[in-house]
């Protein structure tokens, strides 16, 4: 889905689903999601808390086993059981930057040990070579060599997230899932981390899946954006198309909630207000899952689930009235 000037999909997600058993029912955290991410691009995945975007990222990286569907990485289906060598090869090519930079780091290990752990598993090198690589990675993320002997509790939130980025880079990945990597940081630090991610992408030729609820930040970073609601993708398009011509009512509502730094315009612009609360993923609504909060919903929305279809070139939407 979508296009890229290189036409080279690093990863393809095909009807991916992840269900969690809760009592006698199943919580459908991710339900039939499909998209591709092309080499060198950043694909932004946005939506409200609980929409399934983090679960989607973790399932892609095999931190969760998929319930249904396929994840195809560089032409290989990695969804099912993999041999130890195949799994190691995938893990060295695909890494994750976690949301909370403190809980993601072992407090008993030094920074050098944390960054070097993946090098020990995936790369064959001497102690001196590993140390040099750790120092090089610290330099890449804007830290000095002396940080290697420190512990996570001695670092600020921004410094800890830089360590998380260095750890992800340690094994030389091509693809990185960035799971809300700036949401736990002070606003003054967020821009530094975002600029670092952009710089590293250009220098290392990285491909990102950038998960966030902050649409303005996603616009700054992403080439294309997927909007999720209650486990489903409701719209996929380029960053410009999403912001200039949103087609799904949920996307319009998300965009209308972004503050505009113009007091006069902000006081007069019309907000798209949603009805009610997000339904439970244990018992999602029939038909369109967004219909219980949509002001344009009609009878067909409760009877027939809209499929994600190409409404305009490169612009996909799941809505009966797009």
C-alpha atoms as a PDB file:
ATOM      1  CA  UNK A   1       0.000   0.000   0.000  1.00  0.00           C
ATOM      2  CA  UNK A   2       1.348   3.368  -0.990  1.00  0.00           C
ATOM      3  CA  UNK A   3       4.294   4.266  -3.166  1.00  0.00           C
ATOM      4  CA  UNK A   4       7.899   5.269  -2.766  1.00  0.00           C
ATOM      5  CA  UNK A   5      10.400   6.689  -5.191  1.00  0.00           C
ATOM      6  CA  UNK A   6      12.634   3.664  -4.594  1.00  0.00           C
ATOM      7  CA  UNK A   7       9.744   1.184  -4.840  1.00  0.00           C
ATOM      8  CA  UNK A   8      11.559  -1.034  -2.348  1.00  0.00           C
ATOM      9  CA  UNK A   9       9.466  -2.208   0.604  1.00  0.00           C
ATOM     10  CA  UNK A  10      11.593  -3.103   3.610  1.00  0.00           C
ATOM     11  CA  UNK A  11       8.617  -4.469   5.503  1.00  0.00           C
ATOM     12  CA  UNK A  12       5.090  -5.456   4.462  1.00  0.00           C
ATOM     13  CA  UNK A  13       2.289  -5.921   6.983  1.00  0.00           C
ATOM     14  CA  UNK A  14      -0.521  -8.091   5.581  1.00  0.00           C
ATOM     15  CA  UNK A  15      -3.833  -8.404   7.473  1.00  0.00           C
ATOM     16  CA  UNK A  16      -1.975  -8.438  10.792  1.00  0.00           C
ATOM     17  CA  UNK A  17      -4.031  -9.197  13.900  1.00  0.00           C
ATOM     18  CA  UNK A  18      -3.129  -9.581  17.564  1.00  0.00           C
ATOM     19  CA  UNK A  19      -5.803 -10.782  20.006  1.00  0.00           C
ATOM     20  CA  UNK A  20      -5.400 -11.195  23.757  1.00  0.00           C
ATOM     21  CA  UNK A  21      -7.579 -13.702  25.605  1.00  0.00           C
ATOM     22  CA  UNK A  22      -9.471 -12.027  28.455  1.00  0.00           C
ATOM     23  CA  UNK A  23     -11.630 -14.542  30.308  1.00  0.00           C
ATOM     24  CA  UNK A  24     -13.818 -16.176  27.675  1.00  0.00           C
ATOM     25  CA  UNK A  25     -13.478 -13.296  25.224  1.00  0.00           C
ATOM     26  CA  UNK A  26     -10.744 -11.862  23.028  1.00  0.00           C
ATOM     27  CA  UNK A  27      -9.479  -8.303  23.112  1.00  0.00           C
ATOM     28  CA  UNK A  28      -8.805  -7.398  19.478  1.00  0.00           C
ATOM     29  CA  UNK A  29      -5.902  -5.002  19.975  1.00  0.00           C
ATOM     30  CA  UNK A  30      -4.870  -5.133  16.306  1.00  0.00           C
ATOM     31  CA  UNK A  31      -7.385  -6.437  13.782  1.00  0.00           C
ATOM     32  CA  UNK A  32      -6.554  -6.898  10.100  1.00  0.00           C
ATOM     33  CA  UNK A  33      -3.999  -4.127   9.596  1.00  0.00           C
ATOM     34  CA  UNK A  34      -2.094  -3.853   6.293  1.00  0.00           C
ATOM     35  CA  UNK A  35       0.592  -1.393   5.151  1.00  0.00           C
ATOM     36  CA  UNK A  36       4.134  -1.297   3.767  1.00  0.00           C
ATOM     37  CA  UNK A  37       7.168   0.743   4.774  1.00  0.00           C
ATOM     38  CA  UNK A  38       9.695   1.585   2.090  1.00  0.00           C
ATOM     39  CA  UNK A  39      13.437   1.850   2.363  1.00  0.00           C
ATOM     40  CA  UNK A  40      14.622   5.102   3.911  1.00  0.00           C
ATOM     41  CA  UNK A  41      11.178   6.446   4.789  1.00  0.00           C
ATOM     42  CA  UNK A  42       9.431   7.149   8.067  1.00  0.00           C
ATOM     43  CA  UNK A  43       5.928   5.753   8.405  1.00  0.00           C
ATOM     44  CA  UNK A  44       4.004   7.466  11.205  1.00  0.00           C
ATOM     45  CA  UNK A  45       1.363   5.460  13.089  1.00  0.00           C
ATOM     46  CA  UNK A  46      -1.019   7.652  15.098  1.00  0.00           C
ATOM     47  CA  UNK A  47      -4.163   7.365  17.167  1.00  0.00           C
ATOM     48  CA  UNK A  48      -5.564   7.722  20.662  1.00  0.00           C
ATOM     49  CA  UNK A  49      -4.170   5.736  23.578  1.00  0.00           C
ATOM     50  CA  UNK A  50      -5.415   2.149  23.394  1.00  0.00           C
ATOM     51  CA  UNK A  51      -5.939   2.123  19.635  1.00  0.00           C
ATOM     52  CA  UNK A  52      -3.398  -0.693  19.161  1.00  0.00           C
ATOM     53  CA  UNK A  53      -0.471   1.149  17.631  1.00  0.00           C
ATOM     54  CA  UNK A  54       2.127  -0.013  20.188  1.00  0.00           C
ATOM     55  CA  UNK A  55       0.803  -3.592  20.028  1.00  0.00           C
ATOM     56  CA  UNK A  56       1.146  -3.408  16.253  1.00  0.00           C
ATOM     57  CA  UNK A  57       4.793  -2.346  16.540  1.00  0.00           C
ATOM     58  CA  UNK A  58       5.597  -5.064  19.076  1.00  0.00           C
ATOM     59  CA  UNK A  59       3.896  -7.732  16.957  1.00  0.00           C
ATOM     60  CA  UNK A  60       5.859  -6.660  13.878  1.00  0.00           C
ATOM     61  CA  UNK A  61       9.106  -7.176  15.848  1.00  0.00           C
ATOM     62  CA  UNK A  62       7.915 -10.560  17.197  1.00  0.00           C
ATOM     63  CA  UNK A  63       7.793  -9.333  20.797  1.00  0.00           C
ATOM     64  CA  UNK A  64       4.212 -10.629  20.515  1.00  0.00           C
ATOM     65  CA  UNK A  65       3.198 -13.577  18.361  1.00  0.00           C
ATOM     66  CA  UNK A  66       0.708 -12.583  15.674  1.00  0.00           C
ATOM     67  CA  UNK A  67      -2.777 -14.118  15.926  1.00  0.00           C
ATOM     68  CA  UNK A  68      -3.390 -13.829  12.192  1.00  0.00           C
ATOM     69  CA  UNK A  69      -1.719 -12.271   9.171  1.00  0.00           C
ATOM     70  CA  UNK A  70       1.841 -11.942   7.974  1.00  0.00           C
ATOM     71  CA  UNK A  71       4.903  -9.759   8.441  1.00  0.00           C
ATOM     72  CA  UNK A  72       7.218  -9.894   5.440  1.00  0.00           C
ATOM     73  CA  UNK A  73      10.664  -8.438   6.070  1.00  0.00           C
ATOM     74  CA  UNK A  74      12.900  -7.974   3.014  1.00  0.00           C
ATOM     75  CA  UNK A  75      10.942 -10.645   1.147  1.00  0.00           C
ATOM     76  CA  UNK A  76      10.918 -13.216   3.980  1.00  0.00           C
ATOM     77  CA  UNK A  77       7.790 -14.084   5.958  1.00  0.00           C
ATOM     78  CA  UNK A  78       8.953 -13.878   9.578  1.00  0.00           C
ATOM     79  CA  UNK A  79       5.520 -14.378  11.167  1.00  0.00           C
ATOM     80  CA  UNK A  80       5.773 -18.057  12.142  1.00  0.00           C
ATOM     81  CA  UNK A  81       8.463 -20.083  13.863  1.00  0.00           C
ATOM     82  CA  UNK A  82      12.000 -19.144  12.857  1.00  0.00           C
ATOM     83  CA  UNK A  83      15.229 -21.030  13.369  1.00  0.00           C
ATOM     84  CA  UNK A  84      17.686 -19.535  15.859  1.00  0.00           C
ATOM     85  CA  UNK A  85      19.864 -18.189  13.031  1.00  0.00           C
ATOM     86  CA  UNK A  86      16.857 -16.688  11.218  1.00  0.00           C
ATOM     87  CA  UNK A  87      15.623 -15.043  14.407  1.00  0.00           C
ATOM     88  CA  UNK A  88      19.061 -13.602  15.192  1.00  0.00           C
ATOM     89  CA  UNK A  89      19.341 -12.260  11.644  1.00  0.00           C
ATOM     90  CA  UNK A  90      15.950 -10.574  11.939  1.00  0.00           C
ATOM     91  CA  UNK A  91      16.692  -9.128  15.393  1.00  0.00           C
ATOM     92  CA  UNK A  92      19.963  -7.654  14.161  1.00  0.00           C
ATOM     93  CA  UNK A  93      18.128  -5.980  11.267  1.00  0.00           C
ATOM     94  CA  UNK A  94      15.089  -4.739  13.194  1.00  0.00           C
ATOM     95  CA  UNK A  95      15.240  -3.000  16.563  1.00  0.00           C
ATOM     96  CA  UNK A  96      13.019  -0.920  18.859  1.00  0.00           C
ATOM     97  CA  UNK A  97      13.327   2.335  20.792  1.00  0.00           C
ATOM     98  CA  UNK A  98      10.969   2.128  23.774  1.00  0.00           C
ATOM     99  CA  UNK A  99       8.655   4.786  25.164  1.00  0.00           C
ATOM    100  CA  UNK A 100       9.990   4.918  28.743  1.00  0.00           C
ATOM    101  CA  UNK A 101      13.768   5.364  28.648  1.00  0.00           C
ATOM    102  CA  UNK A 102      14.147   4.522  32.345  1.00  0.00           C
ATOM    103  CA  UNK A 103      12.250   1.228  32.638  1.00  0.00           C
ATOM    104  CA  UNK A 104      13.783   0.076  29.341  1.00  0.00           C
ATOM    105  CA  UNK A 105      17.313   0.168  30.822  1.00  0.00           C
ATOM    106  CA  UNK A 106      18.580  -2.353  33.388  1.00  0.00           C
ATOM    107  CA  UNK A 107      19.476  -0.269  36.484  1.00  0.00           C
ATOM    108  CA  UNK A 108      22.126  -2.821  37.538  1.00  0.00           C
ATOM    109  CA  UNK A 109      24.147  -2.486  34.333  1.00  0.00           C
ATOM    110  CA  UNK A 110      26.455   0.307  33.274  1.00  0.00           C
ATOM    111  CA  UNK A 111      25.695   2.186  30.074  1.00  0.00           C
ATOM    112  CA  UNK A 112      28.627   0.446  28.375  1.00  0.00           C
ATOM    113  CA  UNK A 113      27.209  -2.967  29.345  1.00  0.00           C
ATOM    114  CA  UNK A 114      23.710  -2.009  28.165  1.00  0.00           C
ATOM    115  CA  UNK A 115      24.905  -0.888  24.733  1.00  0.00           C
ATOM    116  CA  UNK A 116      27.400  -3.761  24.466  1.00  0.00           C
ATOM    117  CA  UNK A 117      24.874  -6.491  25.304  1.00  0.00           C
ATOM    118  CA  UNK A 118      23.501  -6.679  21.767  1.00  0.00           C
ATOM    119  CA  UNK A 119      27.008  -6.512  20.307  1.00  0.00           C
ATOM    120  CA  UNK A 120      27.935  -9.630  22.333  1.00  0.00           C
ATOM    121  CA  UNK A 121      24.931 -11.530  20.956  1.00  0.00           C
ATOM    122  CA  UNK A 122      24.983 -10.482  17.309  1.00  0.00           C
ATOM    123  CA  UNK A 123      28.518  -9.417  16.396  1.00  0.00           C
ATOM    124  CA  UNK A 124      31.757 -11.364  16.579  1.00  0.00           C
ATOM    125  CA  UNK A 125      34.362  -8.955  17.890  1.00  0.00           C
ATOM    126  CA  UNK A 126      37.083  -8.594  20.511  1.00  0.00           C
ATOM    127  CA  UNK A 127      36.652  -6.719  23.792  1.00  0.00           C
ATOM    128  CA  UNK A 128      38.614  -3.782  22.366  1.00  0.00           C
ATOM    129  CA  UNK A 129      36.486  -3.704  19.200  1.00  0.00           C
ATOM    130  CA  UNK A 130      33.292  -3.794  21.273  1.00  0.00           C
ATOM    131  CA  UNK A 131      34.556  -0.950  23.468  1.00  0.00           C
ATOM    132  CA  UNK A 132      35.431   1.120  20.407  1.00  0.00           C
ATOM    133  CA  UNK A 133      31.953   0.505  18.986  1.00  0.00           C
ATOM    134  CA  UNK A 134      30.306   1.531  22.263  1.00  0.00           C
ATOM    135  CA  UNK A 135      32.338   4.759  22.295  1.00  0.00           C
ATOM    136  CA  UNK A 136      31.449   5.392  18.645  1.00  0.00           C
ATOM    137  CA  UNK A 137      27.733   4.871  19.353  1.00  0.00           C
ATOM    138  CA  UNK A 138      27.870   7.246  22.327  1.00  0.00           C
ATOM    139  CA  UNK A 139      29.436   9.840  20.052  1.00  0.00           C
ATOM    140  CA  UNK A 140      26.728   9.301  17.415  1.00  0.00           C
ATOM    141  CA  UNK A 141      23.995  10.085  19.948  1.00  0.00           C
ATOM    142  CA  UNK A 142      25.809  13.149  21.301  1.00  0.00           C
ATOM    143  CA  UNK A 143      27.369  11.740  24.487  1.00  0.00           C
ATOM    144  CA  UNK A 144      30.995  11.430  25.597  1.00  0.00           C
ATOM    145  CA  UNK A 145      32.940   8.246  26.344  1.00  0.00           C
ATOM    146  CA  UNK A 146      32.771   8.688  30.122  1.00  0.00           C
ATOM    147  CA  UNK A 147      29.036   7.885  30.021  1.00  0.00           C
ATOM    148  CA  UNK A 148      29.983   4.237  29.410  1.00  0.00           C
ATOM    149  CA  UNK A 149      30.871   3.798  33.107  1.00  0.00           C
ATOM    150  CA  UNK A 150      27.719   5.451  34.440  1.00  0.00           C
ATOM    151  CA  UNK A 151      24.418   3.852  35.499  1.00  0.00           C
ATOM    152  CA  UNK A 152      20.938   4.775  34.184  1.00  0.00           C
ATOM    153  CA  UNK A 153      19.879   6.519  37.426  1.00  0.00           C
ATOM    154  CA  UNK A 154      22.742   8.997  36.974  1.00  0.00           C
ATOM    155  CA  UNK A 155      21.320  10.248  33.669  1.00  0.00           C
ATOM    156  CA  UNK A 156      18.509  12.634  32.760  1.00  0.00           C
ATOM    157  CA  UNK A 157      15.492  11.467  30.757  1.00  0.00           C
ATOM    158  CA  UNK A 158      16.898  12.834  27.511  1.00  0.00           C
ATOM    159  CA  UNK A 159      20.277  11.205  28.125  1.00  0.00           C
ATOM    160  CA  UNK A 160      18.614   7.867  28.893  1.00  0.00           C
ATOM    161  CA  UNK A 161      16.660   8.029  25.640  1.00  0.00           C
ATOM    162  CA  UNK A 162      19.899   8.709  23.768  1.00  0.00           C
ATOM    163  CA  UNK A 163      21.243   5.505  25.344  1.00  0.00           C
ATOM    164  CA  UNK A 164      18.112   3.687  24.173  1.00  0.00           C
ATOM    165  CA  UNK A 165      18.805   4.925  20.652  1.00  0.00           C
ATOM    166  CA  UNK A 166      22.474   3.901  20.871  1.00  0.00           C
ATOM    167  CA  UNK A 167      21.456   0.423  22.041  1.00  0.00           C
ATOM    168  CA  UNK A 168      19.057   0.063  19.104  1.00  0.00           C
ATOM    169  CA  UNK A 169      21.834   1.089  16.696  1.00  0.00           C
ATOM    170  CA  UNK A 170      24.448  -1.223  18.255  1.00  0.00           C
ATOM    171  CA  UNK A 171      23.798  -4.216  15.992  1.00  0.00           C
ATOM    172  CA  UNK A 172      23.522  -2.197  12.763  1.00  0.00           C
ATOM    173  CA  UNK A 173      19.751  -2.429  12.071  1.00  0.00           C
ATOM    174  CA  UNK A 174      18.028  -1.283   8.889  1.00  0.00           C
ATOM    175  CA  UNK A 175      14.569  -0.899  10.426  1.00  0.00           C
ATOM    176  CA  UNK A 176      13.664   0.652  13.795  1.00  0.00           C
ATOM    177  CA  UNK A 177      10.293   0.856  15.535  1.00  0.00           C
ATOM    178  CA  UNK A 178      10.197   4.111  17.519  1.00  0.00           C
ATOM    179  CA  UNK A 179       7.466   3.568  20.118  1.00  0.00           C
ATOM    180  CA  UNK A 180       6.529   7.073  21.299  1.00  0.00           C
ATOM    181  CA  UNK A 181      10.221   7.796  21.985  1.00  0.00           C
ATOM    182  CA  UNK A 182       9.631  11.408  23.061  1.00  0.00           C
ATOM    183  CA  UNK A 183       6.330  11.247  24.975  1.00  0.00           C
ATOM    184  CA  UNK A 184       8.029  10.692  28.356  1.00  0.00           C
ATOM    185  CA  UNK A 185      10.462  13.596  27.866  1.00  0.00           C
ATOM    186  CA  UNK A 186      10.291  17.299  28.688  1.00  0.00           C
ATOM    187  CA  UNK A 187       9.133  19.431  25.782  1.00  0.00           C
ATOM    188  CA  UNK A 188      12.519  21.180  25.671  1.00  0.00           C
ATOM    189  CA  UNK A 189      14.240  17.816  25.128  1.00  0.00           C
ATOM    190  CA  UNK A 190      11.772  16.381  22.602  1.00  0.00           C
ATOM    191  CA  UNK A 191      13.047  18.470  19.680  1.00  0.00           C
ATOM    192  CA  UNK A 192      16.638  17.372  20.392  1.00  0.00           C
ATOM    193  CA  UNK A 193      15.687  13.685  20.233  1.00  0.00           C
ATOM    194  CA  UNK A 194      13.619  14.167  17.074  1.00  0.00           C
ATOM    195  CA  UNK A 195      16.479  16.003  15.356  1.00  0.00           C
ATOM    196  CA  UNK A 196      18.846  13.210  16.441  1.00  0.00           C
ATOM    197  CA  UNK A 197      16.541  10.574  14.913  1.00  0.00           C
ATOM    198  CA  UNK A 198      16.399  12.531  11.638  1.00  0.00           C
ATOM    199  CA  UNK A 199      20.198  12.934  11.598  1.00  0.00           C
ATOM    200  CA  UNK A 200      20.791   9.226  12.256  1.00  0.00           C
ATOM    201  CA  UNK A 201      18.294   8.221   9.582  1.00  0.00           C
ATOM    202  CA  UNK A 202      20.200  10.244   7.010  1.00  0.00           C
ATOM    203  CA  UNK A 203      23.628   9.021   8.142  1.00  0.00           C
ATOM    204  CA  UNK A 204      22.755   5.340   8.647  1.00  0.00           C
ATOM    205  CA  UNK A 205      20.112   4.893   5.930  1.00  0.00           C
ATOM    206  CA  UNK A 206      17.488   3.827   8.467  1.00  0.00           C
ATOM    207  CA  UNK A 207      13.806   3.060   7.948  1.00  0.00           C
ATOM    208  CA  UNK A 208      11.430   4.032  10.777  1.00  0.00           C
ATOM    209  CA  UNK A 209       8.006   3.084  12.041  1.00  0.00           C
ATOM    210  CA  UNK A 210       7.293   6.106  14.261  1.00  0.00           C
ATOM    211  CA  UNK A 211       4.456   5.492  16.718  1.00  0.00           C
ATOM    212  CA  UNK A 212       2.950   8.536  18.420  1.00  0.00           C
ATOM    213  CA  UNK A 213      -0.246  10.266  19.512  1.00  0.00           C
ATOM    214  CA  UNK A 214       1.314  13.674  18.718  1.00  0.00           C
ATOM    215  CA  UNK A 215       0.172  14.479  15.191  1.00  0.00           C
ATOM    216  CA  UNK A 216       2.198  17.672  14.884  1.00  0.00           C
ATOM    217  CA  UNK A 217       5.421  15.777  15.657  1.00  0.00           C
ATOM    218  CA  UNK A 218       4.446  12.964  13.293  1.00  0.00           C
ATOM    219  CA  UNK A 219       3.924  15.523  10.521  1.00  0.00           C
ATOM    220  CA  UNK A 220       7.447  16.853  11.106  1.00  0.00           C
ATOM    221  CA  UNK A 221       9.018  13.399  10.919  1.00  0.00           C
ATOM    222  CA  UNK A 222       6.927  11.219   8.627  1.00  0.00           C
ATOM    223  CA  UNK A 223       6.778  10.679   4.890  1.00  0.00           C
ATOM    224  CA  UNK A 224       3.497   8.778   5.178  1.00  0.00           C
ATOM    225  CA  UNK A 225       1.005   8.422   8.020  1.00  0.00           C
ATOM    226  CA  UNK A 226      -1.396   5.675   9.074  1.00  0.00           C
ATOM    227  CA  UNK A 227      -4.279   6.587  11.401  1.00  0.00           C
ATOM    228  CA  UNK A 228      -5.517   3.822  13.733  1.00  0.00           C
ATOM    229  CA  UNK A 229      -8.798   3.573  15.591  1.00  0.00           C
ATOM    230  CA  UNK A 230      -9.735   0.652  17.846  1.00  0.00           C
ATOM    231  CA  UNK A 231      -7.347  -1.814  16.202  1.00  0.00           C
ATOM    232  CA  UNK A 232      -8.099  -0.791  12.614  1.00  0.00           C
ATOM    233  CA  UNK A 233      -6.369   1.449  10.090  1.00  0.00           C
ATOM    234  CA  UNK A 234      -8.887   4.079   9.001  1.00  0.00           C
ATOM    235  CA  UNK A 235      -6.663   6.227   6.760  1.00  0.00           C
ATOM    236  CA  UNK A 236      -3.231   5.980   5.123  1.00  0.00           C
ATOM    237  CA  UNK A 237      -1.669   8.724   3.004  1.00  0.00           C
ATOM    238  CA  UNK A 238       1.333  10.966   2.635  1.00  0.00           C
ATOM    239  CA  UNK A 239       1.928  13.455   5.425  1.00  0.00           C
ATOM    240  CA  UNK A 240       0.846  16.308   3.144  1.00  0.00           C
ATOM    241  CA  UNK A 241      -2.395  14.547   2.126  1.00  0.00           C
ATOM    242  CA  UNK A 242      -3.333  13.759   5.727  1.00  0.00           C
ATOM    243  CA  UNK A 243      -2.870  17.358   6.868  1.00  0.00           C
ATOM    244  CA  UNK A 244      -4.125  19.158   3.747  1.00  0.00           C
ATOM    245  CA  UNK A 245      -7.041  16.902   2.813  1.00  0.00           C
ATOM    246  CA  UNK A 246      -8.054  14.434   5.568  1.00  0.00           C
ATOM    247  CA  UNK A 247     -10.840  12.151   4.356  1.00  0.00           C
ATOM    248  CA  UNK A 248     -11.845  10.179   7.450  1.00  0.00           C
ATOM    249  CA  UNK A 249     -13.935  11.970  10.130  1.00  0.00           C
ATOM    250  CA  UNK A 250     -11.691  10.561  12.873  1.00  0.00           C
ATOM    251  CA  UNK A 251      -8.591  12.020  11.203  1.00  0.00           C
ATOM    252  CA  UNK A 252     -10.364  15.371  10.915  1.00  0.00           C
ATOM    253  CA  UNK A 253     -11.183  15.257  14.623  1.00  0.00           C
ATOM    254  CA  UNK A 254      -7.564  14.494  15.550  1.00  0.00           C
ATOM    255  CA  UNK A 255      -6.288  17.347  13.389  1.00  0.00           C
ATOM    256  CA  UNK A 256      -8.804  19.821  14.786  1.00  0.00           C
ATOM    257  CA  UNK A 257      -7.474  19.135  18.296  1.00  0.00           C
ATOM    258  CA  UNK A 258      -3.960  20.334  17.422  1.00  0.00           C
ATOM    259  CA  UNK A 259      -3.408  23.821  18.899  1.00  0.00           C
ATOM    260  CA  UNK A 260      -2.562  26.563  16.388  1.00  0.00           C
ATOM    261  CA  UNK A 261      -0.055  29.271  17.509  1.00  0.00           C
ATOM    262  CA  UNK A 262      -2.387  32.057  16.398  1.00  0.00           C
ATOM    263  CA  UNK A 263      -4.755  33.310  19.133  1.00  0.00           C
ATOM    264  CA  UNK A 264      -7.175  34.979  16.702  1.00  0.00           C
ATOM    265  CA  UNK A 265      -7.474  31.926  14.450  1.00  0.00           C
ATOM    266  CA  UNK A 266      -7.553  29.516  17.401  1.00  0.00           C
ATOM    267  CA  UNK A 267     -10.477  31.363  19.012  1.00  0.00           C
ATOM    268  CA  UNK A 268     -12.610  31.265  15.858  1.00  0.00           C
ATOM    269  CA  UNK A 269     -11.829  27.948  14.191  1.00  0.00           C
ATOM    270  CA  UNK A 270     -14.397  25.163  14.377  1.00  0.00           C
ATOM    271  CA  UNK A 271     -13.484  22.016  16.302  1.00  0.00           C
ATOM    272  CA  UNK A 272     -14.666  18.550  15.280  1.00  0.00           C
ATOM    273  CA  UNK A 273     -16.166  17.162  18.486  1.00  0.00           C
ATOM    274  CA  UNK A 274     -16.542  13.409  18.925  1.00  0.00           C
ATOM    275  CA  UNK A 275     -19.485  11.812  20.708  1.00  0.00           C
ATOM    276  CA  UNK A 276     -19.052   9.526  23.699  1.00  0.00           C
ATOM    277  CA  UNK A 277     -16.022   7.438  24.619  1.00  0.00           C
ATOM    278  CA  UNK A 278     -13.839   4.940  22.771  1.00  0.00           C
ATOM    279  CA  UNK A 279     -15.671   1.560  22.838  1.00  0.00           C
ATOM    280  CA  UNK A 280     -14.034  -1.509  24.351  1.00  0.00           C
ATOM    281  CA  UNK A 281     -11.875  -3.631  22.065  1.00  0.00           C
ATOM    282  CA  UNK A 282     -13.477  -6.647  23.791  1.00  0.00           C
ATOM    283  CA  UNK A 283     -16.862  -5.765  22.271  1.00  0.00           C
ATOM    284  CA  UNK A 284     -16.230  -3.445  19.311  1.00  0.00           C
ATOM    285  CA  UNK A 285     -19.239  -1.980  17.476  1.00  0.00           C
ATOM    286  CA  UNK A 286     -20.603  -3.809  14.450  1.00  0.00           C
ATOM    287  CA  UNK A 287     -19.801  -2.465  11.014  1.00  0.00           C
ATOM    288  CA  UNK A 288     -17.621   0.654  11.245  1.00  0.00           C
ATOM    289  CA  UNK A 289     -15.938   0.792  14.641  1.00  0.00           C
ATOM    290  CA  UNK A 290     -15.976   4.581  14.608  1.00  0.00           C
ATOM    291  CA  UNK A 291     -19.740   4.880  13.985  1.00  0.00           C
ATOM    292  CA  UNK A 292     -20.686   5.279  17.678  1.00  0.00           C
ATOM    293  CA  UNK A 293     -18.734   8.558  17.805  1.00  0.00           C
ATOM    294  CA  UNK A 294     -19.241   9.811  14.241  1.00  0.00           C
ATOM    295  CA  UNK A 295     -21.711  12.609  13.549  1.00  0.00           C
ATOM    296  CA  UNK A 296     -22.129  11.401   9.940  1.00  0.00           C
ATOM    297  CA  UNK A 297     -22.933   7.752  10.771  1.00  0.00           C
ATOM    298  CA  UNK A 298     -25.975   6.156   9.113  1.00  0.00           C
ATOM    299  CA  UNK A 299     -27.594   2.717   8.911  1.00  0.00           C
ATOM    300  CA  UNK A 300     -25.009   1.265   6.529  1.00  0.00           C
ATOM    301  CA  UNK A 301     -22.241   2.079   9.008  1.00  0.00           C
ATOM    302  CA  UNK A 302     -23.696  -0.369  11.551  1.00  0.00           C
ATOM    303  CA  UNK A 303     -24.305  -3.094   8.985  1.00  0.00           C
ATOM    304  CA  UNK A 304     -21.206  -3.075   6.778  1.00  0.00           C
ATOM    305  CA  UNK A 305     -17.571  -2.609   7.754  1.00  0.00           C
ATOM    306  CA  UNK A 306     -15.853  -0.155   5.369  1.00  0.00           C
ATOM    307  CA  UNK A 307     -12.720  -1.508   3.719  1.00  0.00           C
ATOM    308  CA  UNK A 308      -9.510   0.499   3.365  1.00  0.00           C
ATOM    309  CA  UNK A 309      -9.628   1.523  -0.302  1.00  0.00           C
ATOM    310  CA  UNK A 310      -7.733   3.983  -2.490  1.00  0.00           C
ATOM    311  CA  UNK A 311      -9.944   7.067  -2.706  1.00  0.00           C
ATOM    312  CA  UNK A 312      -7.274   9.247  -4.351  1.00  0.00           C
ATOM    313  CA  UNK A 313      -3.834   8.317  -5.731  1.00  0.00           C
ATOM    314  CA  UNK A 314      -1.823   7.095  -2.729  1.00  0.00           C
ATOM    315  CA  UNK A 315      -4.617   8.059  -0.318  1.00  0.00           C
ATOM    316  CA  UNK A 316      -6.465   5.177   1.364  1.00  0.00           C
ATOM    317  CA  UNK A 317      -9.511   5.544   3.625  1.00  0.00           C
ATOM    318  CA  UNK A 318     -12.004   3.227   5.341  1.00  0.00           C
ATOM    319  CA  UNK A 319     -15.252   5.205   5.287  1.00  0.00           C
ATOM    320  CA  UNK A 320     -18.535   4.758   3.424  1.00  0.00           C
ATOM    321  CA  UNK A 321     -18.810   8.527   2.868  1.00  0.00           C
ATOM    322  CA  UNK A 322     -15.198   9.579   2.191  1.00  0.00           C
END
